[in-house]
């Protein structure tokens, strides 16, 4: 039995959007994601984030984010700085997690290294404030496994027991293949100007052991949030300043509370010399303050910073400390100093374009309105499809280049259960409920692969922003392409 568009539910109202069309920030609208860390692998940058998610009080109302229930790491990736693929949440800690010995998984850091001729991937995480664990995989998105069965960095280790907050790892693999880890935080009473709670150490060749005893980083007014990168022959250690910066500290170091500052060295283990403040508190962009967490990274010849803010929370209308990731451009002065970074909603310019003539994941989007990424298989993360679809929901993909020859057919791959009928409407450059074409989705024994096609009324050429607007519910969308 076939169906027509008249058999699908009419779109009376579009789902609410939580960011301006075409802008990068926040990089996710379907979920929060805090404490970002970036790992570049090939032509892709992977962003690993603390899985901020709502907590509720006894009355069922959203309550303040306590972080105490967070035991997953959210992963997204991008090739172009506008469209991000949602890889879902890695179930890291807890009795159902990969590292069952851990309670929480906060502030992830990731790195890859070629070991015995094979690329291996390592994801480090904070188990609350009491230690740092590591899991490993053969892919940036897993599946991950627990190689140790216990923490990598623990309080019973030399020069670690005196760190108030044994958390917030950052990792770095140098050109010679040597790995390093940076961590720590907290402000001992009376030591606001020099907390001495930052640490760094060389990792073992296996990336899951320490080769040296951790040494102290004397970062002025350190609070938390270690960061590390290398530009030229200089190592840059960065961190969040604490919330006890006095007038003398501001005069001496040019910082105030909750800002990202940095130090430099010619050695990965220091000593580091203070260099300046580079990112104001995220309150600057949205009016809602809080802690500051970041990662600086190079991608396709340019430098960027990933950091979290409460901008998405504000746009949703929630003000309880839930954070999402932003990305902005970073520039250096001729002397190697980092120029103060401007926080924006637009984010960086797009790199390249999207090829419409290959299969594109339905969860690779600039934004989702109403929909979410759901697991496509029993692993529960890594391979995701577009789900939680209702009438009026839509996705936005930026910078799709149809070229001069153009496209005349739209193909949608979907999983449509028995008794379900839906539709995907194609809109170009603006969300319009009528659109320029529509694919009707319905169950069919003859269509085992779940590929649905429709001929376009006219050939689409040139570069466009593409919107897919959905009717119906109860189905998932795997991918789309044009022919």
Protein backbone atom coordinates (compact mmCIF):
# COMPACT_ATOMS: atom_id res chain seq x y z
CA UNK A 1 0.00 0.00 0.00
CA UNK A 2 1.29 3.47 -0.89
CA UNK A 3 0.68 6.76 0.84
CA UNK A 4 0.60 10.38 -0.29
CA UNK A 5 1.40 13.61 1.51
CA UNK A 6 -2.28 14.05 2.30
CA UNK A 7 -2.04 10.96 4.55
CA UNK A 8 0.50 12.70 6.80
CA UNK A 9 -0.09 15.11 9.61
CA UNK A 10 -0.28 18.77 8.60
CA UNK A 11 2.37 21.10 10.05
CA UNK A 12 0.61 23.86 11.95
CA UNK A 13 3.55 25.14 13.98
CA UNK A 14 7.31 24.69 13.84
CA UNK A 15 9.31 23.60 16.86
CA UNK A 16 11.11 26.38 18.72
CA UNK A 17 14.67 27.18 17.71
CA UNK A 18 17.22 27.97 20.41
CA UNK A 19 19.82 29.73 18.32
CA UNK A 20 20.04 32.02 15.30
CA UNK A 21 19.97 30.21 11.98
CA UNK A 22 23.42 29.66 10.49
CA UNK A 23 25.36 30.50 13.65
CA UNK A 24 27.69 28.03 15.36
CA UNK A 25 27.04 28.72 19.05
CA UNK A 26 25.98 26.83 20.99
CA UNK A 27 27.23 23.87 18.95
CA UNK A 28 24.36 21.69 20.19
CA UNK A 29 20.75 22.67 20.73
CA UNK A 30 19.41 19.14 21.34
CA UNK A 31 21.47 18.66 24.50
CA UNK A 32 23.84 20.40 26.87
CA UNK A 33 27.56 19.69 26.96
CA UNK A 34 30.08 21.30 29.32
CA UNK A 35 33.85 21.32 29.99
CA UNK A 36 34.75 20.77 26.30
CA UNK A 37 38.00 19.22 25.13
CA UNK A 38 38.94 19.02 21.44
CA UNK A 39 40.87 16.22 19.72
CA UNK A 40 41.78 16.55 16.04
CA UNK A 41 42.04 13.33 14.07
CA UNK A 42 42.40 13.47 10.29
CA UNK A 43 39.92 15.92 8.77
CA UNK A 44 37.69 15.95 11.85
CA UNK A 45 37.72 17.59 15.26
CA UNK A 46 36.00 15.66 18.04
CA UNK A 47 34.56 17.55 21.02
CA UNK A 48 34.20 15.60 24.30
CA UNK A 49 31.92 17.20 26.92
CA UNK A 50 30.56 16.65 30.41
CA UNK A 51 26.99 15.42 29.98
CA UNK A 52 25.07 18.16 31.76
CA UNK A 53 21.47 17.01 31.98
CA UNK A 54 18.47 18.15 34.00
CA UNK A 55 18.03 17.30 37.64
CA UNK A 56 14.53 17.53 39.13
CA UNK A 57 13.18 18.32 42.57
CA UNK A 58 10.45 16.42 44.44
CA UNK A 59 7.78 18.42 42.61
CA UNK A 60 9.17 17.44 39.21
CA UNK A 61 10.59 20.91 38.53
CA UNK A 62 14.05 21.44 37.04
CA UNK A 63 16.49 22.10 39.89
CA UNK A 64 20.03 23.44 40.18
CA UNK A 65 22.77 21.46 38.44
CA UNK A 66 24.74 19.73 41.21
CA UNK A 67 26.91 17.65 38.81
CA UNK A 68 26.55 14.74 41.24
CA UNK A 69 24.53 12.59 38.83
CA UNK A 70 26.78 13.05 35.78
CA UNK A 71 28.40 9.78 34.69
CA UNK A 72 28.45 10.12 30.89
CA UNK A 73 30.57 11.94 28.30
CA UNK A 74 28.82 13.52 25.28
CA UNK A 75 30.71 13.44 21.97
CA UNK A 76 30.16 15.49 18.81
CA UNK A 77 32.39 16.11 15.80
CA UNK A 78 32.71 18.51 12.91
CA UNK A 79 34.57 18.85 9.63
CA UNK A 80 33.42 22.39 8.85
CA UNK A 81 32.80 24.31 12.14
CA UNK A 82 29.10 24.79 11.41
CA UNK A 83 27.56 21.33 11.20
CA UNK A 84 28.20 18.90 14.08
CA UNK A 85 27.60 15.15 14.16
CA UNK A 86 26.13 13.88 17.42
CA UNK A 87 27.82 10.62 18.49
CA UNK A 88 25.76 10.31 21.66
CA UNK A 89 26.82 9.80 25.27
CA UNK A 90 29.46 7.32 26.42
CA UNK A 91 28.29 5.57 29.58
CA UNK A 92 31.57 6.00 31.45
CA UNK A 93 31.02 5.64 35.20
CA UNK A 94 28.71 3.85 37.62
CA UNK A 95 27.48 0.29 37.93
CA UNK A 96 26.27 0.30 34.32
CA UNK A 97 29.30 2.16 33.01
CA UNK A 98 32.57 1.15 31.37
CA UNK A 99 34.60 2.16 34.44
CA UNK A 100 32.38 0.64 37.11
CA UNK A 101 34.76 1.64 39.88
CA UNK A 102 34.11 5.34 39.21
CA UNK A 103 31.14 7.37 40.45
CA UNK A 104 31.25 10.34 38.06
CA UNK A 105 32.74 11.39 34.74
CA UNK A 106 33.46 15.11 34.48
CA UNK A 107 35.71 17.33 32.36
CA UNK A 108 36.94 14.87 29.71
CA UNK A 109 40.20 15.06 27.78
CA UNK A 110 41.12 12.95 24.77
CA UNK A 111 44.22 12.07 22.77
CA UNK A 112 45.31 9.56 20.16
CA UNK A 113 48.63 7.89 19.55
CA UNK A 114 50.01 5.27 17.18
CA UNK A 115 51.05 2.26 19.27
CA UNK A 116 52.46 -0.89 17.65
CA UNK A 117 51.42 0.43 14.24
CA UNK A 118 47.80 1.07 15.22
CA UNK A 119 46.05 4.30 16.16
CA UNK A 120 44.60 4.09 19.67
CA UNK A 121 42.33 6.60 21.39
CA UNK A 122 42.33 7.55 25.06
CA UNK A 123 39.58 9.34 26.98
CA UNK A 124 40.51 10.74 30.40
CA UNK A 125 37.90 11.88 32.91
CA UNK A 126 37.53 13.23 36.44
CA UNK A 127 35.86 10.97 38.97
CA UNK A 128 34.30 13.85 40.89
CA UNK A 129 37.20 15.67 42.59
CA UNK A 130 38.95 12.57 43.85
CA UNK A 131 40.90 11.18 40.91
CA UNK A 132 41.29 10.77 37.17
CA UNK A 133 40.47 7.70 35.10
CA UNK A 134 41.13 6.64 31.53
CA UNK A 135 39.31 4.44 29.03
CA UNK A 136 40.56 3.45 25.58
CA UNK A 137 39.22 2.55 22.14
CA UNK A 138 40.19 1.83 18.55
CA UNK A 139 38.02 4.70 17.28
CA UNK A 140 37.47 8.30 18.43
CA UNK A 141 33.85 7.40 19.25
CA UNK A 142 34.40 3.94 20.68
CA UNK A 143 33.36 1.46 21.77
CA UNK A 144 35.54 2.17 24.80
CA UNK A 145 36.95 -0.26 27.34
CA UNK A 146 38.50 0.07 30.81
CA UNK A 147 42.19 -0.97 30.59
CA UNK A 148 43.09 -0.50 34.27
CA UNK A 149 40.08 -1.30 36.42
CA UNK A 150 41.01 1.65 38.66
CA UNK A 151 42.01 5.30 38.45
CA UNK A 152 45.07 6.51 36.57
CA UNK A 153 45.74 9.34 39.03
CA UNK A 154 44.84 8.76 42.67
CA UNK A 155 45.32 10.46 46.03
CA UNK A 156 47.73 7.78 47.22
CA UNK A 157 50.21 8.74 44.48
CA UNK A 158 53.24 10.94 45.16
CA UNK A 159 52.52 14.69 45.08
CA UNK A 160 48.79 14.10 44.46
CA UNK A 161 47.35 13.72 47.95
CA UNK A 162 47.83 17.44 48.62
CA UNK A 163 45.75 18.51 45.58
CA UNK A 164 42.34 19.70 46.81
CA UNK A 165 40.53 18.89 43.57
CA UNK A 166 42.15 15.99 41.79
CA UNK A 167 40.31 16.52 38.52
CA UNK A 168 40.05 18.45 35.20
CA UNK A 169 42.63 16.60 33.09
CA UNK A 170 44.17 17.94 29.88
CA UNK A 171 46.33 15.75 27.66
CA UNK A 172 48.85 16.44 24.93
CA UNK A 173 50.96 14.25 22.64
CA UNK A 174 54.12 15.95 21.41
CA UNK A 175 55.70 15.54 17.97
CA UNK A 176 57.98 12.80 19.29
CA UNK A 177 54.98 10.77 20.47
CA UNK A 178 55.46 11.50 24.16
CA UNK A 179 52.24 12.12 26.08
CA UNK A 180 51.69 14.51 28.96
CA UNK A 181 48.83 15.08 31.38
CA UNK A 182 47.87 18.22 33.32
CA UNK A 183 45.34 18.34 36.15
CA UNK A 184 44.32 19.68 39.56
CA UNK A 185 42.62 22.64 41.18
CA UNK A 186 41.20 24.10 44.34
CA UNK A 187 42.22 26.98 46.59
CA UNK A 188 43.70 26.14 50.01
CA UNK A 189 42.77 28.63 52.72
CA UNK A 190 44.98 31.69 52.62
CA UNK A 191 46.59 30.73 49.29
CA UNK A 192 44.34 32.43 46.73
CA UNK A 193 47.25 34.09 44.91
CA UNK A 194 49.33 30.91 44.69
CA UNK A 195 47.17 27.80 45.33
CA UNK A 196 49.92 25.43 44.08
CA UNK A 197 47.29 22.79 43.25
CA UNK A 198 48.10 22.42 39.54
CA UNK A 199 50.10 19.37 38.41
CA UNK A 200 51.67 17.97 35.26
CA UNK A 201 53.39 14.68 34.46
CA UNK A 202 54.71 12.65 31.56
CA UNK A 203 52.56 9.72 30.53
CA UNK A 204 53.97 6.29 29.87
CA UNK A 205 54.35 5.01 26.32
CA UNK A 206 51.05 3.16 26.76
CA UNK A 207 49.21 6.43 27.67
CA UNK A 208 47.60 4.67 30.64
CA UNK A 209 50.41 5.03 33.16
CA UNK A 210 52.64 7.80 34.51
CA UNK A 211 56.32 7.93 33.56
CA UNK A 212 57.20 10.72 36.02
CA UNK A 213 56.08 11.98 39.40
CA UNK A 214 53.62 14.89 38.95
CA UNK A 215 55.23 18.30 39.45
CA UNK A 216 53.66 21.53 40.69
CA UNK A 217 52.49 24.26 38.32
CA UNK A 218 52.58 27.60 40.14
CA UNK A 219 49.68 29.23 38.28
CA UNK A 220 48.65 32.57 39.84
CA UNK A 221 45.12 32.52 41.25
CA UNK A 222 44.48 29.02 39.86
CA UNK A 223 40.97 27.67 40.33
CA UNK A 224 40.59 24.67 37.97
CA UNK A 225 40.42 23.70 34.27
CA UNK A 226 43.87 22.81 33.01
CA UNK A 227 44.51 23.30 29.31
CA UNK A 228 47.58 22.55 27.18
CA UNK A 229 48.65 23.14 23.58
CA UNK A 230 51.77 23.84 21.59
CA UNK A 231 52.24 26.55 18.97
CA UNK A 232 55.63 26.70 17.28
CA UNK A 233 58.20 25.72 19.90
CA UNK A 234 56.22 27.14 22.82
CA UNK A 235 54.02 25.19 25.23
CA UNK A 236 50.93 27.02 26.49
CA UNK A 237 49.39 26.00 29.81
CA UNK A 238 45.99 27.64 30.38
CA UNK A 239 43.54 27.58 33.28
CA UNK A 240 40.56 29.25 34.95
CA UNK A 241 41.33 31.90 37.58
CA UNK A 242 39.68 31.54 40.97
CA UNK A 243 37.00 33.72 42.49
CA UNK A 244 39.24 35.43 45.05
CA UNK A 245 41.26 37.67 42.73
CA UNK A 246 41.80 40.91 44.64
CA UNK A 247 42.78 44.38 43.39
CA UNK A 248 46.47 43.55 43.76
CA UNK A 249 46.05 40.41 41.68
CA UNK A 250 44.21 42.31 38.96
CA UNK A 251 46.93 44.97 38.89
CA UNK A 252 49.75 42.43 38.71
CA UNK A 253 48.25 39.85 36.36
CA UNK A 254 45.48 41.67 34.48
CA UNK A 255 42.85 39.12 35.48
CA UNK A 256 39.67 39.04 37.49
CA UNK A 257 37.48 36.19 38.74
CA UNK A 258 36.64 33.17 36.58
CA UNK A 259 38.68 34.07 33.51
CA UNK A 260 40.90 31.95 31.27
CA UNK A 261 44.57 32.83 31.73
CA UNK A 262 47.72 31.28 30.32
CA UNK A 263 51.39 30.63 30.94
CA UNK A 264 54.22 29.64 28.58
CA UNK A 265 57.31 27.44 28.64
CA UNK A 266 59.86 25.91 26.31
CA UNK A 267 59.36 22.60 28.08
CA UNK A 268 56.12 20.58 28.37
CA UNK A 269 56.68 20.17 32.13
CA UNK A 270 57.63 23.79 32.74
CA UNK A 271 58.54 25.85 34.57
CA UNK A 272 55.78 28.05 33.15
CA UNK A 273 55.79 31.86 33.10
CA UNK A 274 52.54 33.81 33.44
CA UNK A 275 51.57 35.55 30.18
CA UNK A 276 48.06 37.01 30.50
CA UNK A 277 44.28 36.69 30.41
CA UNK A 278 42.65 35.61 27.14
CA UNK A 279 38.95 34.83 27.76
CA UNK A 280 36.53 36.61 30.04
CA UNK A 281 33.95 34.73 32.07
CA UNK A 282 31.12 33.40 29.85
CA UNK A 283 28.83 35.79 31.68
CA UNK A 284 30.16 38.23 29.07
CA UNK A 285 28.15 36.64 26.27
CA UNK A 286 24.88 35.74 28.00
CA UNK A 287 24.67 37.54 31.32
CA UNK A 288 24.81 34.30 33.31
CA UNK A 289 28.07 33.60 35.08
CA UNK A 290 29.66 30.49 36.51
CA UNK A 291 32.80 28.47 36.16
CA UNK A 292 34.89 28.76 33.01
CA UNK A 293 36.26 25.74 31.15
CA UNK A 294 38.05 25.63 27.80
CA UNK A 295 40.34 23.92 25.30
CA UNK A 296 42.54 25.54 22.64
CA UNK A 297 43.21 23.60 19.45
CA UNK A 298 44.49 23.93 15.89
CA UNK A 299 42.31 22.66 13.04
CA UNK A 300 43.01 22.91 9.32
CA UNK A 301 45.55 25.70 9.79
CA UNK A 302 43.59 27.92 12.18
CA UNK A 303 43.35 28.12 15.98
CA UNK A 304 40.15 27.89 18.00
CA UNK A 305 38.89 27.80 21.56
CA UNK A 306 36.06 25.60 22.81
CA UNK A 307 34.46 26.81 26.03
CA UNK A 308 31.11 26.49 27.75
CA UNK A 309 28.50 29.09 28.59
CA UNK A 310 24.93 29.21 29.82
CA UNK A 311 23.71 30.80 26.59
CA UNK A 312 21.63 27.79 25.50
CA UNK A 313 20.10 27.49 28.97
CA UNK A 314 19.11 31.16 28.83
CA UNK A 315 17.55 30.76 25.36
CA UNK A 316 15.55 27.76 26.57
CA UNK A 317 14.37 29.70 29.60
CA UNK A 318 16.15 27.68 32.28
CA UNK A 319 18.58 29.29 34.71
CA UNK A 320 19.97 26.53 36.89
CA UNK A 321 23.61 26.15 35.83
CA UNK A 322 23.33 23.92 32.73
CA UNK A 323 26.07 24.56 30.22
CA UNK A 324 26.66 24.09 26.49
CA UNK A 325 29.76 24.43 24.33
CA UNK A 326 30.72 27.41 22.16
CA UNK A 327 33.62 27.70 19.71
CA UNK A 328 35.39 30.89 18.64
CA UNK A 329 38.50 31.83 16.68
CA UNK A 330 41.91 32.38 18.36
CA UNK A 331 44.64 34.67 17.04
CA UNK A 332 48.28 35.14 18.02
CA UNK A 333 50.36 38.29 17.98
CA UNK A 334 53.73 38.29 16.22
CA UNK A 335 55.51 37.70 19.53
CA UNK A 336 53.50 34.51 20.15
CA UNK A 337 51.16 36.00 22.72
CA UNK A 338 47.47 35.13 22.47
CA UNK A 339 45.21 38.07 21.62
CA UNK A 340 42.16 38.46 23.86
CA UNK A 341 39.40 36.26 22.48
CA UNK A 342 36.01 37.65 21.49
CA UNK A 343 33.00 35.55 22.49
CA UNK A 344 30.36 35.38 19.75
CA UNK A 345 27.13 33.64 18.85
CA UNK A 346 28.11 33.45 15.16
CA UNK A 347 31.25 31.44 15.85
CA UNK A 348 33.96 30.84 13.25
CA UNK A 349 33.47 30.87 9.50
CA UNK A 350 32.55 27.61 7.80
CA UNK A 351 35.36 25.49 6.39
CA UNK A 352 34.44 24.10 2.95
CA UNK A 353 30.94 22.94 2.05
CA UNK A 354 28.66 19.92 2.51
CA UNK A 355 28.50 17.41 -0.37
CA UNK A 356 24.84 16.54 -0.99
CA UNK A 357 25.66 13.66 -3.34
CA UNK A 358 26.99 11.36 -0.64
CA UNK A 359 25.14 9.83 2.31
CA UNK A 360 24.99 12.46 5.07
CA UNK A 361 24.12 11.48 8.62
CA UNK A 362 20.78 12.88 9.76
CA UNK A 363 22.43 13.83 13.07
CA UNK A 364 25.07 16.00 11.38
CA UNK A 365 23.39 19.40 11.69
CA UNK A 366 23.88 23.03 12.57
CA UNK A 367 20.87 22.76 14.84
CA UNK A 368 18.03 20.50 15.83
CA UNK A 369 14.64 21.92 16.73
CA UNK A 370 12.59 19.39 18.70
CA UNK A 371 14.49 16.29 17.58
CA UNK A 372 17.37 14.44 19.23
CA UNK A 373 20.04 11.87 18.43
CA UNK A 374 19.17 8.32 19.53
CA UNK A 375 21.28 5.14 19.43
CA UNK A 376 21.10 3.05 16.26
CA UNK A 377 22.38 -0.11 17.93
CA UNK A 378 22.80 -1.81 21.29
CA UNK A 379 26.15 -0.13 22.03
CA UNK A 380 24.17 3.00 22.82
CA UNK A 381 26.59 5.59 21.45
CA UNK A 382 28.84 6.20 18.46
CA UNK A 383 26.30 5.27 15.79
CA UNK A 384 23.30 7.56 16.14
CA UNK A 385 20.17 8.34 14.15
CA UNK A 386 17.64 11.17 14.30
CA UNK A 387 14.77 10.38 16.64
CA UNK A 388 12.21 11.80 19.08
CA UNK A 389 10.56 13.31 16.01
CA UNK A 390 7.20 15.07 16.20
CA UNK A 391 5.26 17.13 13.69
CA UNK A 392 6.86 20.54 13.22
CA UNK A 393 10.34 19.48 14.32
CA UNK A 394 13.19 20.28 11.95
CA UNK A 395 16.93 20.18 11.38
CA UNK A 396 19.21 22.74 9.75
CA UNK A 397 22.31 21.96 7.68
CA UNK A 398 24.53 24.85 6.62
CA UNK A 399 26.47 25.28 3.37
CA UNK A 400 25.21 22.46 1.12
CA UNK A 401 26.74 22.91 -2.34
CA UNK A 402 24.69 21.40 -5.19
CA UNK A 403 27.10 22.67 -7.84
CA UNK A 404 26.28 23.76 -11.38
CA UNK A 405 24.76 20.51 -12.62
CA UNK A 406 22.42 20.32 -9.68
CA UNK A 407 20.12 17.77 -8.04
CA UNK A 408 16.70 16.52 -9.09
CA UNK A 409 16.07 13.69 -6.58
CA UNK A 410 15.99 13.58 -2.79
CA UNK A 411 16.67 10.31 -0.94
CA UNK A 412 15.89 9.71 2.74
CA UNK A 413 16.89 6.56 4.61
CA UNK A 414 14.56 5.92 7.54
CA UNK A 415 13.24 3.24 9.86
CA UNK A 416 9.43 3.36 9.78
CA UNK A 417 7.63 0.83 12.03
CA UNK A 418 4.32 -0.77 11.09
CA UNK A 419 1.36 1.54 11.52
CA UNK A 420 3.48 4.68 11.19
CA UNK A 421 3.25 7.29 8.44
CA UNK A 422 5.40 10.39 8.28
CA UNK A 423 6.95 12.87 5.90
CA UNK A 424 10.13 14.86 5.45
CA UNK A 425 9.71 18.24 3.77
CA UNK A 426 12.70 19.90 2.10
CA UNK A 427 13.14 23.65 2.52
CA UNK A 428 15.97 25.79 1.19
CA UNK A 429 17.53 28.83 2.89
CA UNK A 430 14.55 29.43 5.18
CA UNK A 431 12.20 27.21 7.16
CA UNK A 432 8.90 27.21 5.29
CA UNK A 433 6.12 24.82 6.20
CA UNK A 434 5.25 24.20 2.54
CA UNK A 435 8.82 23.57 1.35
CA UNK A 436 9.99 22.66 -2.14
CA UNK A 437 9.53 18.87 -1.95
CA UNK A 438 8.36 16.17 0.44
CA UNK A 439 9.21 12.49 0.93
CA UNK A 440 6.43 10.35 2.39
CA UNK A 441 7.65 7.67 4.81
CA UNK A 442 5.60 4.51 5.34
CA UNK A 443 6.24 0.85 6.22
CA UNK A 444 6.78 -1.44 3.25
CA UNK A 445 7.96 -5.04 3.03
CA UNK A 446 9.27 -4.32 -0.47
CA UNK A 447 11.45 -1.47 0.83
CA UNK A 448 13.70 -3.52 3.11
CA UNK A 449 16.50 -0.94 3.07
CA UNK A 450 14.16 1.88 4.07
CA UNK A 451 15.26 4.24 1.28
CA UNK A 452 12.57 6.70 0.19
CA UNK A 453 12.94 8.88 -2.90
CA UNK A 454 11.10 11.79 -4.46
CA UNK A 455 11.69 13.69 -7.68
CA UNK A 456 12.14 17.43 -7.25
CA UNK A 457 9.94 19.83 -9.20
CA UNK A 458 13.03 21.72 -10.29
CA UNK A 459 16.75 21.15 -10.31
CA UNK A 460 18.56 22.63 -7.31
CA UNK A 461 21.91 24.25 -8.07
CA UNK A 462 24.37 26.36 -6.12
CA UNK A 463 24.97 26.66 -2.39
CA UNK A 464 22.07 26.57 0.08
CA UNK A 465 21.20 26.04 3.71
CA UNK A 466 18.98 22.96 3.87
CA UNK A 467 16.11 22.37 6.29
CA UNK A 468 14.29 19.09 6.80
CA UNK A 469 10.87 19.60 8.43
CA UNK A 470 9.11 16.53 9.83
CA UNK A 471 5.54 15.31 10.05
CA UNK A 472 4.38 12.43 12.20
CA UNK A 473 6.26 10.59 14.92
CA UNK A 474 7.48 7.13 15.90
CA UNK A 475 10.15 6.79 13.20
CA UNK A 476 13.86 7.53 12.94
CA UNK A 477 15.93 8.98 10.09
CA UNK A 478 19.35 7.57 9.34
CA UNK A 479 20.67 9.69 6.47
CA UNK A 480 19.90 11.81 3.43
CA UNK A 481 21.40 12.47 0.01
CA UNK A 482 20.54 13.96 -3.37
CA UNK A 483 21.00 12.58 -6.85
